[in-house]
Amino acid sequence: MITNSRNEDAPQLGAALALLRTRHIVILANLREEVVALIGAQSLTNAESALECAAALEYARARDRLLKRLANGGVRTIDCEPRRLGVELVNRYRALKRSGAI
């Protein structure tokens, strides 16, 4: 499953993944937004930039917590920027093949 989930998506996402996992090996590829990292790394030159930075960092932390909860529930996850998705999917597939999971 390829998505760009947010913390508020957790209930629906969890239910969908639970249903899919009854019959399939599921990998959740969650696309990371590059702009969030850029905003979080910007120079703090005024109050507005400080608020933007804090919001970006909190957004990223909430997203990381969601992915950790899903992984702790047995969901295989990929967290990457869109340009890395192909490589990450191939690597995960190969790892599943090597492990005998598929």
PDB file of N, CA and C in Angstrom:
ATOM      1  N   MET A   1       0.846  -1.153   0.000  1.00  0.00           N
ATOM      2  CA  MET A   1       0.000   0.000   0.000  1.00  0.00           C
ATOM      3  C   MET A   1       0.902   1.229   0.000  1.00  0.00           C
ATOM      4  N   ILE A   2       0.631   2.143  -0.902  1.00  0.00           N
ATOM      5  CA  ILE A   2       1.399   3.386  -0.972  1.00  0.00           C
ATOM      6  C   ILE A   2       0.487   4.510  -0.513  1.00  0.00           C
ATOM      7  N   THR A   3       0.970   5.296   0.433  1.00  0.00           N
ATOM      8  CA  THR A   3       0.152   6.360   1.002  1.00  0.00           C
ATOM      9  C   THR A   3       1.034   7.498   1.490  1.00  0.00           C
ATOM     10  N   ASN A   4       0.389   8.524   1.940  1.00  0.00           N
ATOM     11  CA  ASN A   4       1.028   9.619   2.647  1.00  0.00           C
ATOM     12  C   ASN A   4       0.161   9.856   3.871  1.00  0.00           C
ATOM     13  N   SER A   5       0.301   8.959   4.830  1.00  0.00           N
ATOM     14  CA  SER A   5      -0.601   8.997   5.976  1.00  0.00           C
ATOM     15  C   SER A   5      -0.163  10.032   6.999  1.00  0.00           C
ATOM     16  N   ARG A   6      -1.159  10.458   7.730  1.00  0.00           N
ATOM     17  CA  ARG A   6      -0.959  11.392   8.826  1.00  0.00           C
ATOM     18  C   ARG A   6      -1.537  10.750  10.077  1.00  0.00           C
ATOM     19  N   ASN A   7      -1.207  11.286  11.216  1.00  0.00           N
ATOM     20  CA  ASN A   7      -1.657  10.727  12.482  1.00  0.00           C
ATOM     21  C   ASN A   7      -3.176  10.593  12.539  1.00  0.00           C
ATOM     22  N   GLU A   8      -3.893  11.549  11.972  1.00  0.00           N
ATOM     23  CA  GLU A   8      -5.356  11.494  12.017  1.00  0.00           C
ATOM     24  C   GLU A   8      -5.935  10.388  11.131  1.00  0.00           C
ATOM     25  N   ASP A   9      -5.102   9.806  10.279  1.00  0.00           N
ATOM     26  CA  ASP A   9      -5.533   8.697   9.424  1.00  0.00           C
ATOM     27  C   ASP A   9      -5.441   7.349  10.129  1.00  0.00           C
ATOM     28  N   ALA A  10      -4.886   7.308  11.316  1.00  0.00           N
ATOM     29  CA  ALA A  10      -4.564   6.054  11.991  1.00  0.00           C
ATOM     30  C   ALA A  10      -5.735   5.083  12.112  1.00  0.00           C
ATOM     31  N   PRO A  11      -6.917   5.512  12.550  1.00  0.00           N
ATOM     32  CA  PRO A  11      -7.996   4.520  12.706  1.00  0.00           C
ATOM     33  C   PRO A  11      -8.378   3.838  11.394  1.00  0.00           C
ATOM     34  N   GLN A  12      -8.554   4.603  10.333  1.00  0.00           N
ATOM     35  CA  GLN A  12      -8.930   4.019   9.051  1.00  0.00           C
ATOM     36  C   GLN A  12      -7.793   3.201   8.463  1.00  0.00           C
ATOM     37  N   LEU A  13      -6.594   3.693   8.581  1.00  0.00           N
ATOM     38  CA  LEU A  13      -5.440   2.993   8.041  1.00  0.00           C
ATOM     39  C   LEU A  13      -5.225   1.665   8.767  1.00  0.00           C
ATOM     40  N   GLY A  14      -5.317   1.699  10.085  1.00  0.00           N
ATOM     41  CA  GLY A  14      -5.151   0.475  10.863  1.00  0.00           C
ATOM     42  C   GLY A  14      -6.174  -0.579  10.499  1.00  0.00           C
ATOM     43  N   ALA A  15      -7.432  -0.155  10.319  1.00  0.00           N
ATOM     44  CA  ALA A  15      -8.493  -1.096   9.947  1.00  0.00           C
ATOM     45  C   ALA A  15      -8.245  -1.685   8.558  1.00  0.00           C
ATOM     46  N   ALA A  16      -7.850  -0.857   7.612  1.00  0.00           N
ATOM     47  CA  ALA A  16      -7.584  -1.342   6.253  1.00  0.00           C
ATOM     48  C   ALA A  16      -6.413  -2.320   6.239  1.00  0.00           C
ATOM     49  N   LEU A  17      -5.360  -1.996   6.978  1.00  0.00           N
ATOM     50  CA  LEU A  17      -4.192  -2.876   7.025  1.00  0.00           C
ATOM     51  C   LEU A  17      -4.520  -4.201   7.702  1.00  0.00           C
ATOM     52  N   ALA A  18      -5.318  -4.160   8.750  1.00  0.00           N
ATOM     53  CA  ALA A  18      -5.716  -5.400   9.431  1.00  0.00           C
ATOM     54  C   ALA A  18      -6.489  -6.303   8.481  1.00  0.00           C
ATOM     55  N   LEU A  19      -7.373  -5.727   7.703  1.00  0.00           N
ATOM     56  CA  LEU A  19      -8.143  -6.512   6.744  1.00  0.00           C
ATOM     57  C   LEU A  19      -7.237  -7.098   5.661  1.00  0.00           C
ATOM     58  N   LEU A  20      -6.357  -6.293   5.117  1.00  0.00           N
ATOM     59  CA  LEU A  20      -5.442  -6.778   4.081  1.00  0.00           C
ATOM     60  C   LEU A  20      -4.516  -7.868   4.606  1.00  0.00           C
ATOM     61  N   ARG A  21      -4.072  -7.734   5.841  1.00  0.00           N
ATOM     62  CA  ARG A  21      -3.106  -8.685   6.408  1.00  0.00           C
ATOM     63  C   ARG A  21      -3.709 -10.059   6.654  1.00  0.00           C
ATOM     64  N   THR A  22      -5.036 -10.185   6.603  1.00  0.00           N
ATOM     65  CA  THR A  22      -5.639 -11.509   6.787  1.00  0.00           C
ATOM     66  C   THR A  22      -5.318 -12.432   5.622  1.00  0.00           C
ATOM     67  N   ARG A  23      -5.028 -11.874   4.444  1.00  0.00           N
ATOM     68  CA  ARG A  23      -4.759 -12.703   3.268  1.00  0.00           C
ATOM     69  C   ARG A  23      -3.479 -12.352   2.517  1.00  0.00           C
ATOM     70  N   HIS A  24      -2.826 -11.282   2.910  1.00  0.00           N
ATOM     71  CA  HIS A  24      -1.676 -10.808   2.137  1.00  0.00           C
ATOM     72  C   HIS A  24      -0.530 -10.405   3.056  1.00  0.00           C
ATOM     73  N   ILE A  25       0.667 -10.435   2.494  1.00  0.00           N
ATOM     74  CA  ILE A  25       1.801  -9.775   3.139  1.00  0.00           C
ATOM     75  C   ILE A  25       1.706  -8.317   2.706  1.00  0.00           C
ATOM     76  N   VAL A  26       1.614  -7.438   3.658  1.00  0.00           N
ATOM     77  CA  VAL A  26       1.399  -6.027   3.348  1.00  0.00           C
ATOM     78  C   VAL A  26       2.639  -5.228   3.709  1.00  0.00           C
ATOM     79  N   ILE A  27       3.036  -4.379   2.783  1.00  0.00           N
ATOM     80  CA  ILE A  27       4.083  -3.395   3.044  1.00  0.00           C
ATOM     81  C   ILE A  27       3.432  -2.035   2.884  1.00  0.00           C
ATOM     82  N   LEU A  28       3.511  -1.237   3.912  1.00  0.00           N
ATOM     83  CA  LEU A  28       2.995   0.124   3.862  1.00  0.00           C
ATOM     84  C   LEU A  28       4.147   1.045   3.486  1.00  0.00           C
ATOM     85  N   ALA A  29       4.081   1.611   2.290  1.00  0.00           N
ATOM     86  CA  ALA A  29       5.082   2.583   1.855  1.00  0.00           C
ATOM     87  C   ALA A  29       4.496   3.962   2.108  1.00  0.00           C
ATOM     88  N   ASN A  30       5.026   4.625   3.116  1.00  0.00           N
ATOM     89  CA  ASN A  30       4.536   5.937   3.506  1.00  0.00           C
ATOM     90  C   ASN A  30       5.487   6.992   2.950  1.00  0.00           C
ATOM     91  N   LEU A  31       4.977   7.807   2.047  1.00  0.00           N
ATOM     92  CA  LEU A  31       5.819   8.785   1.362  1.00  0.00           C
ATOM     93  C   LEU A  31       6.053  10.004   2.244  1.00  0.00           C
ATOM     94  N   ARG A  32       7.301  10.268   2.462  1.00  0.00           N
ATOM     95  CA  ARG A  32       7.718  11.406   3.283  1.00  0.00           C
ATOM     96  C   ARG A  32       7.700  12.670   2.433  1.00  0.00           C
ATOM     97  N   GLU A  33       7.161  13.731   2.985  1.00  0.00           N
ATOM     98  CA  GLU A  33       7.096  15.007   2.267  1.00  0.00           C
ATOM     99  C   GLU A  33       8.405  15.766   2.460  1.00  0.00           C
ATOM    100  N   GLU A  34       9.085  16.013   1.366  1.00  0.00           N
ATOM    101  CA  GLU A  34      10.382  16.682   1.427  1.00  0.00           C
ATOM    102  C   GLU A  34      10.285  18.078   2.032  1.00  0.00           C
ATOM    103  N   VAL A  35       9.189  18.750   1.782  1.00  0.00           N
ATOM    104  CA  VAL A  35       9.032  20.124   2.259  1.00  0.00           C
ATOM    105  C   VAL A  35       9.021  20.189   3.785  1.00  0.00           C
ATOM    106  N   VAL A  36       8.551  19.154   4.441  1.00  0.00           N
ATOM    107  CA  VAL A  36       8.519  19.159   5.908  1.00  0.00           C
ATOM    108  C   VAL A  36       9.940  19.204   6.457  1.00  0.00           C
ATOM    109  N   ALA A  37      10.829  18.428   5.882  1.00  0.00           N
ATOM    110  CA  ALA A  37      12.224  18.445   6.319  1.00  0.00           C
ATOM    111  C   ALA A  37      12.874  19.795   6.032  1.00  0.00           C
ATOM    112  N   LEU A  38      12.554  20.385   4.896  1.00  0.00           N
ATOM    113  CA  LEU A  38      13.117  21.700   4.567  1.00  0.00           C
ATOM    114  C   LEU A  38      12.647  22.761   5.549  1.00  0.00           C
ATOM    115  N   ILE A  39      11.369  22.737   5.881  1.00  0.00           N
ATOM    116  CA  ILE A  39      10.837  23.715   6.836  1.00  0.00           C
ATOM    117  C   ILE A  39      11.457  23.493   8.216  1.00  0.00           C
ATOM    118  N   GLY A  40      11.591  22.241   8.611  1.00  0.00           N
ATOM    119  CA  GLY A  40      12.173  21.932   9.913  1.00  0.00           C
ATOM    120  C   GLY A  40      13.636  22.310  10.034  1.00  0.00           C
ATOM    121  N   ALA A  41      14.331  22.418   8.911  1.00  0.00           N
ATOM    122  CA  ALA A  41      15.758  22.749   8.927  1.00  0.00           C
ATOM    123  C   ALA A  41      16.042  24.216   8.623  1.00  0.00           C
ATOM    124  N   GLN A  42      14.992  24.996   8.416  1.00  0.00           N
ATOM    125  CA  GLN A  42      15.223  26.397   8.051  1.00  0.00           C
ATOM    126  C   GLN A  42      15.837  27.207   9.195  1.00  0.00           C
ATOM    127  N   SER A  43      16.458  28.294   8.836  1.00  0.00           N
ATOM    128  CA  SER A  43      17.033  29.196   9.836  1.00  0.00           C
ATOM    129  C   SER A  43      15.907  29.871  10.602  1.00  0.00           C
ATOM    130  N   LEU A  44      16.107  30.002  11.899  1.00  0.00           N
ATOM    131  CA  LEU A  44      15.110  30.655  12.736  1.00  0.00           C
ATOM    132  C   LEU A  44      15.429  32.141  12.803  1.00  0.00           C
ATOM    133  N   THR A  45      14.851  32.876  11.873  1.00  0.00           N
ATOM    134  CA  THR A  45      15.165  34.299  11.761  1.00  0.00           C
ATOM    135  C   THR A  45      14.130  35.201  12.409  1.00  0.00           C
ATOM    136  N   ASN A  46      12.930  34.658  12.646  1.00  0.00           N
ATOM    137  CA  ASN A  46      11.873  35.454  13.283  1.00  0.00           C
ATOM    138  C   ASN A  46      10.868  34.496  13.926  1.00  0.00           C
ATOM    139  N   ALA A  47       9.848  35.067  14.544  1.00  0.00           N
ATOM    140  CA  ALA A  47       8.850  34.250  15.244  1.00  0.00           C
ATOM    141  C   ALA A  47       8.110  33.325  14.276  1.00  0.00           C
ATOM    142  N   GLU A  48       7.820  33.811  13.099  1.00  0.00           N
ATOM    143  CA  GLU A  48       7.093  32.997  12.121  1.00  0.00           C
ATOM    144  C   GLU A  48       7.903  31.766  11.713  1.00  0.00           C
ATOM    145  N   SER A  49       9.188  31.948  11.446  1.00  0.00           N
ATOM    146  CA  SER A  49      10.013  30.806  11.053  1.00  0.00           C
ATOM    147  C   SER A  49      10.160  29.817  12.212  1.00  0.00           C
ATOM    148  N   ALA A  50      10.199  30.323  13.443  1.00  0.00           N
ATOM    149  CA  ALA A  50      10.283  29.438  14.604  1.00  0.00           C
ATOM    150  C   ALA A  50       9.009  28.609  14.738  1.00  0.00           C
ATOM    151  N   LEU A  51       7.849  29.217  14.525  1.00  0.00           N
ATOM    152  CA  LEU A  51       6.580  28.492  14.592  1.00  0.00           C
ATOM    153  C   LEU A  51       6.470  27.464  13.465  1.00  0.00           C
ATOM    154  N   GLU A  52       6.890  27.845  12.274  1.00  0.00           N
ATOM    155  CA  GLU A  52       6.863  26.905  11.152  1.00  0.00           C
ATOM    156  C   GLU A  52       7.755  25.702  11.430  1.00  0.00           C
ATOM    157  N   CYS A  53       8.932  25.963  11.956  1.00  0.00           N
ATOM    158  CA  CYS A  53       9.881  24.902  12.262  1.00  0.00           C
ATOM    159  C   CYS A  53       9.303  23.967  13.328  1.00  0.00           C
ATOM    160  N   ALA A  54       8.749  24.539  14.381  1.00  0.00           N
ATOM    161  CA  ALA A  54       8.161  23.734  15.454  1.00  0.00           C
ATOM    162  C   ALA A  54       7.012  22.885  14.925  1.00  0.00           C
ATOM    163  N   ALA A  55       6.175  23.462  14.084  1.00  0.00           N
ATOM    164  CA  ALA A  55       5.048  22.716  13.516  1.00  0.00           C
ATOM    165  C   ALA A  55       5.535  21.564  12.632  1.00  0.00           C
ATOM    166  N   ALA A  56       6.554  21.819  11.831  1.00  0.00           N
ATOM    167  CA  ALA A  56       7.101  20.774  10.963  1.00  0.00           C
ATOM    168  C   ALA A  56       7.700  19.642  11.785  1.00  0.00           C
ATOM    169  N   LEU A  57       8.416  19.984  12.831  1.00  0.00           N
ATOM    170  CA  LEU A  57       9.023  18.958  13.680  1.00  0.00           C
ATOM    171  C   LEU A  57       7.962  18.142  14.405  1.00  0.00           C
ATOM    172  N   GLU A  58       6.915  18.786  14.892  1.00  0.00           N
ATOM    173  CA  GLU A  58       5.833  18.060  15.565  1.00  0.00           C
ATOM    174  C   GLU A  58       5.090  17.153  14.584  1.00  0.00           C
ATOM    175  N   TYR A  59       4.865  17.635  13.385  1.00  0.00           N
ATOM    176  CA  TYR A  59       4.222  16.826  12.352  1.00  0.00           C
ATOM    177  C   TYR A  59       5.056  15.572  12.068  1.00  0.00           C
ATOM    178  N   ALA A  60       6.359  15.758  11.924  1.00  0.00           N
ATOM    179  CA  ALA A  60       7.254  14.626  11.637  1.00  0.00           C
ATOM    180  C   ALA A  60       7.270  13.637  12.804  1.00  0.00           C
ATOM    181  N   ARG A  61       7.272  14.134  14.037  1.00  0.00           N
ATOM    182  CA  ARG A  61       7.257  13.241  15.202  1.00  0.00           C
ATOM    183  C   ARG A  61       5.962  12.442  15.275  1.00  0.00           C
ATOM    184  N   ALA A  62       4.834  13.097  15.022  1.00  0.00           N
ATOM    185  CA  ALA A  62       3.548  12.397  15.056  1.00  0.00           C
ATOM    186  C   ALA A  62       3.508  11.315  13.982  1.00  0.00           C
ATOM    187  N   ARG A  63       4.038  11.617  12.832  1.00  0.00           N
ATOM    188  CA  ARG A  63       4.089  10.649  11.736  1.00  0.00           C
ATOM    189  C   ARG A  63       4.974   9.464  12.103  1.00  0.00           C
ATOM    190  N   ASP A  64       6.116   9.733  12.719  1.00  0.00           N
ATOM    191  CA  ASP A  64       7.011   8.664  13.163  1.00  0.00           C
ATOM    192  C   ASP A  64       6.342   7.776  14.211  1.00  0.00           C
ATOM    193  N   ARG A  65       5.595   8.398  15.134  1.00  0.00           N
ATOM    194  CA  ARG A  65       4.883   7.609  16.154  1.00  0.00           C
ATOM    195  C   ARG A  65       3.859   6.692  15.504  1.00  0.00           C
ATOM    196  N   LEU A  66       3.136   7.202  14.508  1.00  0.00           N
ATOM    197  CA  LEU A  66       2.160   6.382  13.800  1.00  0.00           C
ATOM    198  C   LEU A  66       2.837   5.177  13.146  1.00  0.00           C
ATOM    199  N   LEU A  67       3.929   5.418  12.450  1.00  0.00           N
ATOM    200  CA  LEU A  67       4.634   4.321  11.786  1.00  0.00           C
ATOM    201  C   LEU A  67       5.174   3.303  12.789  1.00  0.00           C
ATOM    202  N   LYS A  68       5.643   3.768  13.938  1.00  0.00           N
ATOM    203  CA  LYS A  68       6.132   2.848  14.968  1.00  0.00           C
ATOM    204  C   LYS A  68       4.993   2.010  15.529  1.00  0.00           C
ATOM    205  N   ARG A  69       3.833   2.616  15.746  1.00  0.00           N
ATOM    206  CA  ARG A  69       2.677   1.854  16.227  1.00  0.00           C
ATOM    207  C   ARG A  69       2.289   0.776  15.223  1.00  0.00           C
ATOM    208  N   LEU A  70       2.270   1.140  13.952  1.00  0.00           N
ATOM    209  CA  LEU A  70       1.927   0.165  12.917  1.00  0.00           C
ATOM    210  C   LEU A  70       2.958  -0.963  12.862  1.00  0.00           C
ATOM    211  N   ALA A  71       4.236  -0.601  12.925  1.00  0.00           N
ATOM    212  CA  ALA A  71       5.299  -1.612  12.893  1.00  0.00           C
ATOM    213  C   ALA A  71       5.218  -2.521  14.117  1.00  0.00           C
ATOM    214  N   ASN A  72       4.915  -1.959  15.269  1.00  0.00           N
ATOM    215  CA  ASN A  72       4.765  -2.774  16.479  1.00  0.00           C
ATOM    216  C   ASN A  72       3.573  -3.716  16.371  1.00  0.00           C
ATOM    217  N   GLY A  73       2.600  -3.355  15.539  1.00  0.00           N
ATOM    218  CA  GLY A  73       1.449  -4.215  15.293  1.00  0.00           C
ATOM    219  C   GLY A  73       1.680  -5.228  14.192  1.00  0.00           C
ATOM    220  N   GLY A  74       2.896  -5.305  13.671  1.00  0.00           N
ATOM    221  CA  GLY A  74       3.238  -6.310  12.684  1.00  0.00           C
ATOM    222  C   GLY A  74       3.201  -5.851  11.237  1.00  0.00           C
ATOM    223  N   VAL A  75       2.970  -4.577  11.011  1.00  0.00           N
ATOM    224  CA  VAL A  75       2.932  -4.059   9.641  1.00  0.00           C
ATOM    225  C   VAL A  75       4.360  -3.758   9.197  1.00  0.00           C
ATOM    226  N   ARG A  76       4.712  -4.214   8.027  1.00  0.00           N
ATOM    227  CA  ARG A  76       6.010  -3.883   7.441  1.00  0.00           C
ATOM    228  C   ARG A  76       5.889  -2.494   6.830  1.00  0.00           C
ATOM    229  N   THR A  77       6.819  -1.621   7.143  1.00  0.00           N
ATOM    230  CA  THR A  77       6.712  -0.252   6.667  1.00  0.00           C
ATOM    231  C   THR A  77       7.971   0.182   5.927  1.00  0.00           C
ATOM    232  N   ILE A  78       7.748   1.099   5.018  1.00  0.00           N
ATOM    233  CA  ILE A  78       8.820   1.821   4.334  1.00  0.00           C
ATOM    234  C   ILE A  78       8.487   3.288   4.524  1.00  0.00           C
ATOM    235  N   ASP A  79       9.448   4.059   4.934  1.00  0.00           N
ATOM    236  CA  ASP A  79       9.261   5.493   5.113  1.00  0.00           C
ATOM    237  C   ASP A  79      10.330   6.184   4.286  1.00  0.00           C
ATOM    238  N   CYS A  80       9.928   6.766   3.162  1.00  0.00           N
ATOM    239  CA  CYS A  80      10.926   7.361   2.277  1.00  0.00           C
ATOM    240  C   CYS A  80      10.322   8.498   1.464  1.00  0.00           C
ATOM    241  N   GLU A  81      11.210   9.264   0.870  1.00  0.00           N
ATOM    242  CA  GLU A  81      10.777  10.294  -0.063  1.00  0.00           C
ATOM    243  C   GLU A  81      10.399   9.626  -1.376  1.00  0.00           C
ATOM    244  N   PRO A  82       9.501  10.236  -2.134  1.00  0.00           N
ATOM    245  CA  PRO A  82       9.014   9.608  -3.365  1.00  0.00           C
ATOM    246  C   PRO A  82      10.118   9.153  -4.319  1.00  0.00           C
ATOM    247  N   ARG A  83      11.186   9.901  -4.433  1.00  0.00           N
ATOM    248  CA  ARG A  83      12.239   9.539  -5.391  1.00  0.00           C
ATOM    249  C   ARG A  83      12.963   8.255  -4.997  1.00  0.00           C
ATOM    250  N   ARG A  84      12.850   7.813  -3.739  1.00  0.00           N
ATOM    251  CA  ARG A  84      13.514   6.594  -3.260  1.00  0.00           C
ATOM    252  C   ARG A  84      12.578   5.387  -3.243  1.00  0.00           C
ATOM    253  N   LEU A  85      11.312   5.588  -3.584  1.00  0.00           N
ATOM    254  CA  LEU A  85      10.320   4.524  -3.420  1.00  0.00           C
ATOM    255  C   LEU A  85      10.667   3.263  -4.201  1.00  0.00           C
ATOM    256  N   GLY A  86      11.040   3.396  -5.454  1.00  0.00           N
ATOM    257  CA  GLY A  86      11.348   2.217  -6.267  1.00  0.00           C
ATOM    258  C   GLY A  86      12.445   1.371  -5.658  1.00  0.00           C
ATOM    259  N   VAL A  87      13.520   1.994  -5.264  1.00  0.00           N
ATOM    260  CA  VAL A  87      14.656   1.288  -4.676  1.00  0.00           C
ATOM    261  C   VAL A  87      14.238   0.613  -3.371  1.00  0.00           C
ATOM    262  N   GLU A  88      13.507   1.323  -2.537  1.00  0.00           N
ATOM    263  CA  GLU A  88      13.081   0.773  -1.243  1.00  0.00           C
ATOM    264  C   GLU A  88      12.153  -0.423  -1.423  1.00  0.00           C
ATOM    265  N   LEU A  89      11.229  -0.350  -2.381  1.00  0.00           N
ATOM    266  CA  LEU A  89      10.322  -1.466  -2.628  1.00  0.00           C
ATOM    267  C   LEU A  89      11.075  -2.699  -3.125  1.00  0.00           C
ATOM    268  N   VAL A  90      12.011  -2.505  -4.036  1.00  0.00           N
ATOM    269  CA  VAL A  90      12.801  -3.632  -4.535  1.00  0.00           C
ATOM    270  C   VAL A  90      13.626  -4.241  -3.403  1.00  0.00           C
ATOM    271  N   ASN A  91      14.252  -3.408  -2.594  1.00  0.00           N
ATOM    272  CA  ASN A  91      15.047  -3.917  -1.477  1.00  0.00           C
ATOM    273  C   ASN A  91      14.193  -4.713  -0.496  1.00  0.00           C
ATOM    274  N   ARG A  92      13.014  -4.204  -0.193  1.00  0.00           N
ATOM    275  CA  ARG A  92      12.130  -4.913   0.748  1.00  0.00           C
ATOM    276  C   ARG A  92      11.650  -6.234   0.157  1.00  0.00           C
ATOM    277  N   TYR A  93      11.309  -6.232  -1.114  1.00  0.00           N
ATOM    278  CA  TYR A  93      10.883  -7.465  -1.780  1.00  0.00           C
ATOM    279  C   TYR A  93      12.003  -8.513  -1.728  1.00  0.00           C
ATOM    280  N   ARG A  94      13.196  -8.092  -2.060  1.00  0.00           N
ATOM    281  CA  ARG A  94      14.329  -9.028  -2.035  1.00  0.00           C
ATOM    282  C   ARG A  94      14.580  -9.563  -0.624  1.00  0.00           C
ATOM    283  N   ALA A  95      14.427  -8.704   0.381  1.00  0.00           N
ATOM    284  CA  ALA A  95      14.613  -9.159   1.751  1.00  0.00           C
ATOM    285  C   ALA A  95      13.541 -10.175   2.143  1.00  0.00           C
ATOM    286  N   LEU A  96      12.313  -9.979   1.714  1.00  0.00           N
ATOM    287  CA  LEU A  96      11.248 -10.927   1.992  1.00  0.00           C
ATOM    288  C   LEU A  96      11.516 -12.265   1.302  1.00  0.00           C
ATOM    289  N   LYS A  97      12.014 -12.206   0.066  1.00  0.00           N
ATOM    290  CA  LYS A  97      12.355 -13.436  -0.668  1.00  0.00           C
ATOM    291  C   LYS A  97      13.478 -14.191   0.057  1.00  0.00           C
ATOM    292  N   ARG A  98      14.521 -13.468   0.450  1.00  0.00           N
ATOM    293  CA  ARG A  98      15.654 -14.107   1.139  1.00  0.00           C
ATOM    294  C   ARG A  98      15.227 -14.750   2.460  1.00  0.00           C
ATOM    295  N   SER A  99      14.280 -14.116   3.146  1.00  0.00           N
ATOM    296  CA  SER A  99      13.845 -14.634   4.441  1.00  0.00           C
ATOM    297  C   SER A  99      12.893 -15.810   4.325  1.00  0.00           C
ATOM    298  N   GLY A 100      12.398 -16.046   3.108  1.00  0.00           N
ATOM    299  CA  GLY A 100      11.462 -17.140   2.909  1.00  0.00           C
ATOM    300  C   GLY A 100      10.017 -16.761   3.205  1.00  0.00           C
ATOM    301  N   ALA A 101       9.760 -15.504   3.451  1.00  0.00           N
ATOM    302  CA  ALA A 101       8.391 -15.054   3.749  1.00  0.00           C
ATOM    303  C   ALA A 101       7.505 -15.151   2.513  1.00  0.00           C
ATOM    304  N   ILE A 102       8.125 -15.054   1.328  1.00  0.00           N
ATOM    305  CA  ILE A 102       7.364 -15.208   0.075  1.00  0.00           C
ATOM    306  C   ILE A 102       8.125 -16.108  -0.880  1.00  0.00           C
TER     307      ILE A 102
END
